[in-house]
Protein backbone atom coordinates (compact mmCIF):
# COMPACT_ATOMS: atom_id res chain seq x y z
CA MET A 1 26.24 -78.28 36.51
CA ILE A 2 26.35 -76.32 33.30
CA PHE A 3 24.58 -77.46 30.34
CA GLU A 4 25.64 -76.79 26.69
CA GLN A 5 22.14 -75.77 25.23
CA ALA A 6 18.96 -76.89 26.80
CA THR A 7 16.16 -78.81 24.55
CA VAL A 8 13.24 -76.71 24.00
CA THR A 9 9.83 -78.31 23.76
CA MET A 10 7.11 -75.81 22.52
CA PHE A 11 3.47 -76.97 23.26
CA SER A 12 0.70 -75.26 21.46
CA GLY A 13 -3.00 -75.75 20.54
CA LYS A 14 -6.24 -73.70 20.82
CA GLY A 15 -7.42 -72.48 24.08
CA GLY A 16 -8.89 -75.15 26.61
CA VAL A 17 -7.48 -78.36 25.11
CA GLY A 18 -5.12 -79.25 27.82
CA LYS A 19 -1.84 -78.03 26.61
CA THR A 20 -0.66 -76.52 29.77
CA THR A 21 -1.50 -80.08 31.31
CA CYS A 22 0.63 -81.69 28.90
CA ALA A 23 3.59 -79.20 29.19
CA ALA A 24 3.55 -79.55 33.01
CA ALA A 25 3.39 -83.26 32.92
CA THR A 26 6.24 -83.23 30.49
CA ALA A 27 8.57 -80.79 32.69
CA LEU A 28 7.57 -82.91 35.62
CA HIS A 29 9.02 -85.97 33.70
CA TYR A 30 12.37 -84.45 33.06
CA ALA A 31 12.67 -83.06 36.51
CA SER A 32 11.81 -86.32 38.01
CA ALA A 33 14.60 -87.91 35.95
CA GLY A 34 16.94 -85.51 37.83
CA GLU A 35 17.33 -83.16 34.77
CA LYS A 36 16.87 -79.43 35.50
CA THR A 37 13.94 -78.17 33.79
CA LEU A 38 12.28 -74.81 33.24
CA ALA A 39 8.50 -74.88 32.64
CA ILE A 40 7.86 -71.41 31.05
CA SER A 41 4.51 -69.93 29.97
CA THR A 42 4.10 -67.32 27.61
CA ASP A 43 0.55 -67.12 27.54
CA ALA A 44 -1.17 -64.06 28.49
CA THR A 45 -3.14 -65.73 31.17
CA PRO A 46 -1.02 -68.14 32.46
CA SER A 47 -1.94 -71.25 34.49
CA LEU A 48 1.26 -73.42 34.88
CA SER A 49 1.41 -72.37 38.86
CA HIS A 50 -2.23 -73.48 39.01
CA ILE A 51 -1.73 -76.71 37.30
CA PHE A 52 1.60 -77.39 39.48
CA ASP A 53 -0.66 -76.32 42.75
CA SER A 54 2.52 -74.42 43.66
CA SER A 55 1.07 -72.63 46.49
CA ARG A 56 1.12 -75.90 48.40
CA ASP A 57 3.96 -77.26 50.62
CA GLY A 58 5.23 -80.84 50.65
CA PHE A 59 6.26 -81.16 46.82
CA PRO A 60 8.46 -84.21 46.27
CA ALA A 61 12.12 -83.79 45.96
CA SER A 62 11.97 -83.61 42.16
CA ARG A 63 10.41 -80.08 42.37
CA GLU A 64 14.36 -79.00 43.27
CA MET A 65 15.04 -79.65 39.47
CA LEU A 66 12.09 -77.78 38.41
CA ARG A 67 11.39 -74.11 38.00
CA ILE A 68 8.37 -72.38 37.02
CA ARG A 69 8.14 -69.03 35.00
CA GLU A 70 5.33 -67.12 33.76
CA LEU A 71 6.10 -63.96 31.54
CA GLY A 72 4.09 -60.83 31.72
CA ALA A 73 3.77 -57.52 30.41
CA ALA A 74 6.46 -56.18 32.63
CA GLU A 75 9.26 -58.77 31.46
CA VAL A 76 8.37 -57.70 27.61
CA GLU A 77 8.79 -54.08 28.50
CA GLN A 78 12.04 -55.00 30.15
CA MET A 79 13.13 -57.24 26.96
CA TRP A 80 12.39 -53.98 24.67
CA ASP A 81 14.59 -51.79 26.68
CA GLU A 82 17.42 -54.17 26.79
CA LYS A 83 17.64 -54.81 23.32
CA PHE A 84 17.11 -51.20 21.43
CA GLY A 85 13.76 -49.62 22.87
CA LYS A 86 15.46 -46.25 23.41
CA ASP A 87 17.17 -46.49 19.94
CA VAL A 88 13.97 -46.87 18.43
CA PHE A 89 12.49 -44.33 20.70
CA ASP A 90 14.92 -41.86 19.46
CA VAL A 91 14.06 -42.17 15.85
CA PHE A 92 10.04 -42.31 16.80
CA SER A 93 10.31 -39.16 19.02
CA SER A 94 11.90 -36.95 16.24
CA PHE A 95 8.79 -36.63 14.66
CA VAL A 96 6.32 -37.69 17.08
CA ALA A 97 5.61 -36.02 20.64
CA ILE A 98 5.32 -39.11 23.13
CA ASP A 99 6.68 -39.68 26.30
CA TYR A 100 9.04 -42.88 26.91
CA ARG A 101 6.96 -44.83 29.04
CA ASP A 102 3.70 -44.18 26.85
CA PHE A 103 6.07 -45.17 23.72
CA VAL A 104 6.97 -48.51 25.47
CA GLU A 105 3.55 -49.47 26.11
CA PHE A 106 2.45 -48.70 22.82
CA THR A 107 5.26 -50.86 21.10
CA THR A 108 5.00 -53.85 23.51
CA GLY A 109 1.12 -53.93 23.78
CA ILE A 110 -0.22 -52.36 20.68
CA LEU A 111 2.21 -53.19 17.68
CA PRO A 112 1.33 -56.57 16.13
CA GLY A 113 3.82 -59.22 16.93
CA LEU A 114 6.09 -57.22 18.98
CA SER A 115 5.75 -58.57 22.46
CA GLU A 116 5.77 -62.19 20.90
CA GLU A 117 9.06 -61.68 18.92
CA PHE A 118 10.81 -60.87 22.38
CA MET A 119 9.43 -63.54 24.07
CA VAL A 120 10.83 -65.85 21.53
CA ASP A 121 14.08 -64.17 21.66
CA TYR A 122 14.04 -64.31 25.48
CA ILE A 123 13.54 -68.30 25.55
CA ARG A 124 16.34 -68.34 22.59
CA GLU A 125 18.67 -66.71 25.03
CA LEU A 126 17.65 -68.98 28.04
CA SER A 127 18.46 -72.04 26.13
CA LEU A 128 22.06 -70.89 25.47
CA GLN A 129 22.83 -69.95 29.17
CA GLY A 130 23.50 -73.43 30.20
CA ASP A 131 21.18 -73.06 33.36
CA ASN A 132 18.87 -75.87 32.19
CA SER A 133 18.74 -79.14 30.35
CA HIS A 134 15.22 -78.96 29.45
CA ILE A 135 13.06 -75.97 28.68
CA VAL A 136 9.27 -76.51 28.25
CA TRP A 137 7.68 -73.81 26.72
CA ASP A 138 3.58 -73.23 27.15
CA THR A 139 2.40 -70.82 24.52
CA ALA A 140 -0.61 -68.81 24.27
CA PRO A 141 -3.85 -70.16 22.62
CA LEU A 142 -3.43 -71.21 18.82
CA GLY A 143 -4.45 -67.74 17.27
CA GLN A 144 -1.77 -66.08 19.07
CA THR A 145 0.75 -68.70 18.61
CA LEU A 146 0.24 -68.33 14.95
CA ALA A 147 1.18 -64.77 15.05
CA LEU A 148 4.10 -65.46 17.27
CA LEU A 149 5.49 -68.07 14.59
CA GLN A 150 4.98 -65.44 11.80
CA THR A 151 6.50 -62.43 13.66
CA PRO A 152 10.23 -62.83 12.22
CA ALA A 153 9.18 -63.24 8.90
CA MET A 154 6.49 -60.25 9.01
CA LEU A 155 9.00 -57.93 10.54
CA VAL A 156 11.48 -58.71 7.65
CA GLU A 157 8.78 -57.91 5.41
CA HIS A 158 8.15 -54.69 7.13
CA LEU A 159 11.59 -53.49 7.35
CA ARG A 160 11.96 -53.60 3.40
CA MET A 161 10.37 -50.41 3.41
CA ALA A 162 11.97 -49.03 6.44
CA PRO A 163 15.17 -47.83 4.96
CA ARG A 164 13.28 -45.59 2.40
CA ILE A 165 11.05 -44.19 5.07
CA TYR A 166 13.80 -43.59 7.80
CA SER A 167 16.28 -42.19 5.35
CA LYS A 168 13.97 -39.25 4.68
CA LEU A 169 13.45 -38.02 8.26
CA LYS A 170 15.11 -35.01 9.14
CA LEU A 171 16.04 -35.49 12.64
CA SER A 172 16.65 -33.07 15.16
CA ARG A 173 19.73 -34.11 16.66
CA ILE A 174 22.88 -36.28 16.00
CA LYS A 175 22.20 -40.07 16.88
CA LYS A 176 24.84 -42.08 18.29
CA GLU A 177 24.16 -44.96 15.74
CA PRO A 178 22.79 -44.66 12.16
CA ILE A 179 19.06 -45.60 12.04
CA LEU A 180 19.61 -47.85 9.13
CA SER A 181 22.09 -49.90 11.57
CA ILE A 182 19.50 -49.96 14.23
CA ILE A 183 17.04 -51.20 11.55
CA GLY A 184 19.69 -53.71 10.35
CA ARG A 185 20.08 -55.11 14.29
CA TRP A 186 16.55 -55.71 14.16
CA GLN A 187 16.25 -57.58 11.06
CA LYS A 188 19.24 -59.94 12.20
CA LEU A 189 17.23 -60.54 15.42
CA SER A 190 14.24 -61.49 13.47
CA ALA A 191 16.42 -64.09 11.26
CA GLU A 192 18.06 -65.29 14.44
CA GLU A 193 14.42 -66.35 16.00
CA MET A 194 13.40 -67.71 12.81
CA GLU A 195 16.39 -69.84 12.76
CA PHE A 196 15.87 -71.10 16.48
CA LEU A 197 12.22 -71.81 15.81
CA ARG A 198 13.19 -74.19 12.93
CA ASN A 199 16.33 -75.82 14.03
CA ARG A 200 16.01 -75.81 17.84
CA VAL A 201 12.56 -76.05 18.92
CA GLN A 202 10.45 -79.31 19.10
CA PHE A 203 6.98 -78.40 18.37
CA VAL A 204 4.18 -80.45 19.90
CA ILE A 205 0.35 -79.79 19.10
CA VAL A 206 -2.16 -80.57 21.76
CA THR A 207 -5.78 -81.15 20.32
CA ILE A 208 -8.92 -82.81 21.37
CA PRO A 209 -11.40 -85.09 18.94
CA GLU A 210 -14.09 -82.60 18.25
CA ALA A 211 -14.88 -81.25 14.88
CA LEU A 212 -13.57 -77.53 15.25
CA ALA A 213 -10.30 -78.64 16.77
CA VAL A 214 -9.68 -81.24 14.24
CA VAL A 215 -10.59 -78.72 11.45
CA GLN A 216 -8.27 -76.12 12.74
CA LEU A 217 -5.30 -78.56 12.54
CA ASP A 218 -5.04 -78.36 8.66
CA ASP A 219 -4.79 -74.56 9.20
CA VAL A 220 -1.86 -74.88 11.94
CA PHE A 221 -0.09 -77.27 9.86
CA HIS A 222 -0.38 -75.58 6.51
CA ARG A 223 1.07 -72.30 8.29
CA MET A 224 3.81 -74.08 9.98
CA ASP A 225 4.89 -75.90 6.93
CA ALA A 226 5.04 -72.59 5.24
CA HIS A 227 7.79 -71.34 7.46
CA GLY A 228 9.65 -74.38 7.70
CA LEU A 229 8.40 -75.22 11.18
CA LYS A 230 7.99 -79.07 11.71
CA VAL A 231 5.73 -80.88 14.20
CA GLY A 232 7.17 -84.10 15.90
CA GLN A 233 4.15 -84.98 18.23
CA LEU A 234 0.41 -84.54 18.01
CA ILE A 235 -1.26 -85.18 21.59
CA VAL A 236 -5.10 -85.94 21.46
CA ASN A 237 -6.30 -85.13 24.88
CA ASN A 238 -9.85 -85.91 26.47
CA VAL A 239 -10.31 -89.20 24.79
CA ILE A 240 -12.80 -91.50 26.34
CA LYS A 241 -11.76 -94.73 27.26
CA VAL A 242 -14.04 -95.85 30.03
CA LYS A 243 -17.29 -96.02 28.55
CA ASP A 244 -19.82 -96.65 31.45
CA SER A 245 -22.53 -94.62 30.88
CA SER A 246 -24.98 -94.06 27.72
CA PHE A 247 -23.76 -90.43 27.58
CA LEU A 248 -19.94 -91.56 27.59
CA GLU A 249 -20.83 -94.23 25.08
CA THR A 250 -22.51 -91.75 22.63
CA LYS A 251 -19.73 -89.13 23.21
CA SER A 252 -16.94 -91.87 22.41
CA GLU A 253 -18.89 -92.82 19.19
CA GLN A 254 -18.65 -89.04 18.13
CA GLN A 255 -15.06 -88.96 19.20
CA LYS A 256 -14.30 -92.03 16.98
CA LYS A 257 -14.89 -90.24 13.62
CA TYR A 258 -12.58 -87.56 14.59
CA LEU A 259 -9.81 -89.89 15.89
CA ASP A 260 -10.10 -91.76 12.46
CA THR A 261 -9.51 -88.40 10.71
CA ILE A 262 -6.55 -87.56 12.84
CA TYR A 263 -4.86 -90.95 12.08
CA ALA A 264 -5.48 -90.76 8.40
CA LYS A 265 -4.02 -87.28 7.82
CA TYR A 266 -1.09 -87.23 10.37
CA SER A 267 0.01 -90.86 10.56
CA HIS A 268 3.48 -89.74 9.90
CA LEU A 269 3.62 -88.10 13.35
CA ASP A 270 3.86 -89.39 16.82
CA ILE A 271 0.33 -89.41 18.03
CA ILE A 272 -0.60 -90.10 21.62
CA GLU A 273 -3.91 -90.25 23.12
CA VAL A 274 -4.52 -89.04 26.68
CA PRO A 275 -7.42 -90.17 28.11
CA MET A 276 -10.30 -88.22 29.84
CA PHE A 277 -9.95 -88.14 33.60
CA PRO A 278 -12.80 -88.22 36.10
CA TYR A 279 -11.13 -85.55 38.09
CA GLU A 280 -9.20 -82.23 37.80
CA LEU A 281 -5.71 -82.46 36.78
CA ARG A 282 -4.08 -80.41 39.43
CA GLY A 283 -1.03 -80.99 41.60
CA TRP A 284 2.02 -83.18 41.33
CA GLU A 285 0.48 -86.72 41.81
CA ARG A 286 -2.15 -86.07 39.44
CA LEU A 287 0.12 -84.73 36.68
CA ARG A 288 2.16 -88.02 37.13
CA GLU A 289 -1.01 -89.94 35.61
CA VAL A 290 -0.73 -87.74 32.40
CA GLU A 291 3.15 -88.12 32.39
CA LYS A 292 2.71 -91.94 32.60
CA VAL A 293 0.58 -91.80 29.63
CA LEU A 294 2.94 -89.28 27.53
CA PHE A 295 6.10 -91.35 28.12
CA SER A 296 4.67 -94.73 28.27
CA GLY A 297 6.63 -95.66 25.35
């Protein structure tokens, strides 16, 4: 079956709030409905495979509709090569002596936002290939994700100065393509990525009812609004529902004031509370419990 374009749902949040669990449960929901789904992680320390407990045998039949992909440094380097890594190296090596492999490692691992940019581009292209009905995207912790979202705009700003810089270089050999043309392609790529994020990606923010997490939400929404990126759903994870001890009773009272703040500030969003479970949420059967909460409506 060929799909026209995959729906892309991006899960984001600070580290440790349960976004990977929510992403996995969402991917499981689509796969269980018979819709071909790709669960993909661009977190530097991905845990999708662990959450799904994919090393075990005996997965249900719905696993045939679900693929798991975790991107790492090797994939980023390959993306760089395929786009225009060698072209940019040709420019760079004209005035700096550096080996190509060292150059690729530098650009993909050190230059701010570059690896994130190519991950966005990679997922954009995956969504257009027609291989999946849904792509569920588990991103890096909050700070890295914000850098990812700002990358295209940041690159455009940097590139405004680039023509003046590159036009003054005395290159040692004739290039197959003018330098300004290479830079123009880069700028076009950045614009395509921002359009993709604005118009094709459904953003889901995952948080927990604690002071720091709630405070950080204001910054998240402010930055996303600044780039025209709209959040459709807010998941509040680890909410205490069963208060069968003095500890949980006290903890629940603490959570209540943060929940009140969330509902007061973000009432325009679809807010879902996921309860705190008394066990580790790992494996298909446990993920189904989270799925039931997320899709109870």
